[in-house]
Amino acid sequence: MTYSLTPDGRYLVVRGRLWRAANPGLAPEVREAWVRRLMAARRAVGQARRSGNHEALARAGKAVDEAKVALGERGPVWWDDGAPDLNRHLVKNSPYAAWFERGDGESGG
């Protein structure tokens, strides 16, 4: 999947939509531990869906959410300048529109 990181590092742009990036201020070992937990939780979601186990699916979904909050991708924003959270907004309707339209946001992946 190809994505772009906004110049301020707050969002990934995937298929024209902003997705909050992980907090770059996390210590590498903390980030890696939470990413491992996130991947395990996502695998558990898939297994629960395939098996039709609704209770396991709920637990796995909570584990995904917990990891995403810990990484800074959900929950309170990790920046402190008062800028709003534009998570899931279309980039064309955001302050990043001109940057993206210039083509500055076409790398990544």
Protein backbone atom coordinates (compact mmCIF):
# COMPACT_ATOMS: atom_id res chain seq x y z
CA MET A 1 0.00 0.00 0.00
CA THR A 2 1.29 3.44 -0.89
CA TYR A 3 0.92 6.29 1.57
CA SER A 4 2.28 9.74 2.25
CA LEU A 5 3.22 11.27 5.56
CA THR A 6 2.12 14.88 6.05
CA PRO A 7 4.98 17.37 6.49
CA ASP A 8 4.26 17.66 10.22
CA GLY A 9 4.27 13.87 10.61
CA ARG A 10 0.78 13.77 12.12
CA TYR A 11 -1.05 11.86 9.40
CA LEU A 12 -0.63 9.22 6.76
CA VAL A 13 -2.56 9.89 3.58
CA VAL A 14 -4.02 6.69 2.18
CA ARG A 15 -6.27 6.84 -0.87
CA GLY A 16 -6.95 10.53 -0.24
CA ARG A 17 -7.86 10.17 3.44
CA LEU A 18 -5.92 11.29 6.53
CA TRP A 19 -5.13 8.64 9.14
CA ARG A 20 -3.41 9.66 12.36
CA ALA A 21 0.19 8.48 12.52
CA ALA A 22 1.76 6.90 15.58
CA ASN A 23 3.32 9.23 18.10
CA PRO A 24 6.94 9.77 16.99
CA GLY A 25 7.85 10.62 20.59
CA LEU A 26 7.41 7.02 21.75
CA ALA A 27 10.61 5.24 22.66
CA PRO A 28 11.47 2.71 19.91
CA GLU A 29 11.15 -0.29 22.22
CA VAL A 30 7.74 0.91 23.47
CA ARG A 31 6.53 1.48 19.92
CA GLU A 32 7.77 -1.93 18.79
CA ALA A 33 6.05 -3.67 21.71
CA TRP A 34 2.73 -1.98 20.97
CA VAL A 35 3.04 -2.69 17.24
CA ARG A 36 3.58 -6.39 18.05
CA ARG A 37 0.49 -6.33 20.28
CA LEU A 38 -1.49 -4.57 17.53
CA MET A 39 -0.51 -7.15 14.93
CA ALA A 40 -1.41 -10.01 17.29
CA ALA A 41 -4.76 -8.38 18.01
CA ARG A 42 -5.46 -7.96 14.29
CA ARG A 43 -4.67 -11.63 13.72
CA ALA A 44 -7.06 -12.48 16.57
CA VAL A 45 -9.77 -10.38 14.90
CA GLY A 46 -9.36 -12.40 11.71
CA GLN A 47 -9.43 -15.71 13.53
CA ALA A 48 -12.53 -14.71 15.49
CA ARG A 49 -14.31 -13.60 12.32
CA ARG A 50 -13.46 -16.83 10.54
CA SER A 51 -14.67 -18.91 13.47
CA GLY A 52 -17.77 -16.81 14.08
CA ASN A 53 -16.82 -16.35 17.74
CA HIS A 54 -18.48 -13.06 18.69
CA GLU A 55 -16.99 -12.93 22.19
CA ALA A 56 -13.46 -13.45 20.87
CA LEU A 57 -14.11 -10.83 18.20
CA ALA A 58 -15.14 -8.30 20.85
CA ARG A 59 -12.02 -9.04 22.92
CA ALA A 60 -9.76 -8.78 19.89
CA GLY A 61 -11.39 -5.52 18.84
CA LYS A 62 -10.77 -4.07 22.28
CA ALA A 63 -7.13 -5.19 22.08
CA VAL A 64 -6.75 -3.45 18.69
CA ASP A 65 -8.24 -0.27 20.12
CA GLU A 66 -6.00 -0.41 23.21
CA ALA A 67 -2.88 -0.74 21.04
CA LYS A 68 -3.94 2.06 18.69
CA VAL A 69 -4.59 4.39 21.64
CA ALA A 70 -1.19 3.50 23.15
CA LEU A 71 0.49 4.23 19.80
CA GLY A 72 -1.31 7.57 19.54
CA GLU A 73 -3.33 6.61 16.46
CA ARG A 74 -6.60 6.95 18.41
CA GLY A 75 -7.68 8.71 21.57
CA PRO A 76 -6.20 12.04 22.63
CA VAL A 77 -3.88 13.63 20.09
CA TRP A 78 -0.17 13.39 20.81
CA TRP A 79 0.69 16.93 19.70
CA ASP A 80 0.27 19.88 22.02
CA ASP A 81 -0.19 22.94 19.80
CA GLY A 82 -3.98 22.86 19.91
CA ALA A 83 -4.40 21.78 16.27
CA PRO A 84 -7.59 19.79 15.71
CA ASP A 85 -7.62 16.07 15.00
CA LEU A 86 -8.35 15.55 11.31
CA ASN A 87 -8.24 11.75 11.48
CA ARG A 88 -10.29 10.17 8.69
CA HIS A 89 -10.92 13.50 6.95
CA LEU A 90 -10.40 13.73 3.21
CA VAL A 91 -7.07 15.41 2.53
CA LYS A 92 -8.73 17.63 -0.11
CA ASN A 93 -10.92 19.13 2.64
CA SER A 94 -8.05 19.77 5.04
CA PRO A 95 -5.24 22.26 5.58
CA TYR A 96 -2.98 19.73 3.80
CA ALA A 97 -4.86 20.02 0.48
CA ALA A 98 -2.40 22.38 -1.26
CA TRP A 99 0.59 20.32 -0.13
CA PHE A 100 -1.02 17.13 -1.41
CA GLU A 101 -2.14 18.69 -4.72
CA ARG A 102 1.42 19.92 -5.40
CA GLY A 103 2.44 16.28 -5.43
CA ASP A 104 4.62 16.59 -2.36
CA GLY A 105 2.70 13.72 -0.79
CA GLU A 106 3.15 11.04 -3.43
CA SER A 107 5.91 8.95 -1.86
CA GLY A 108 5.80 6.39 0.91
CA GLY A 109 4.53 3.00 1.22
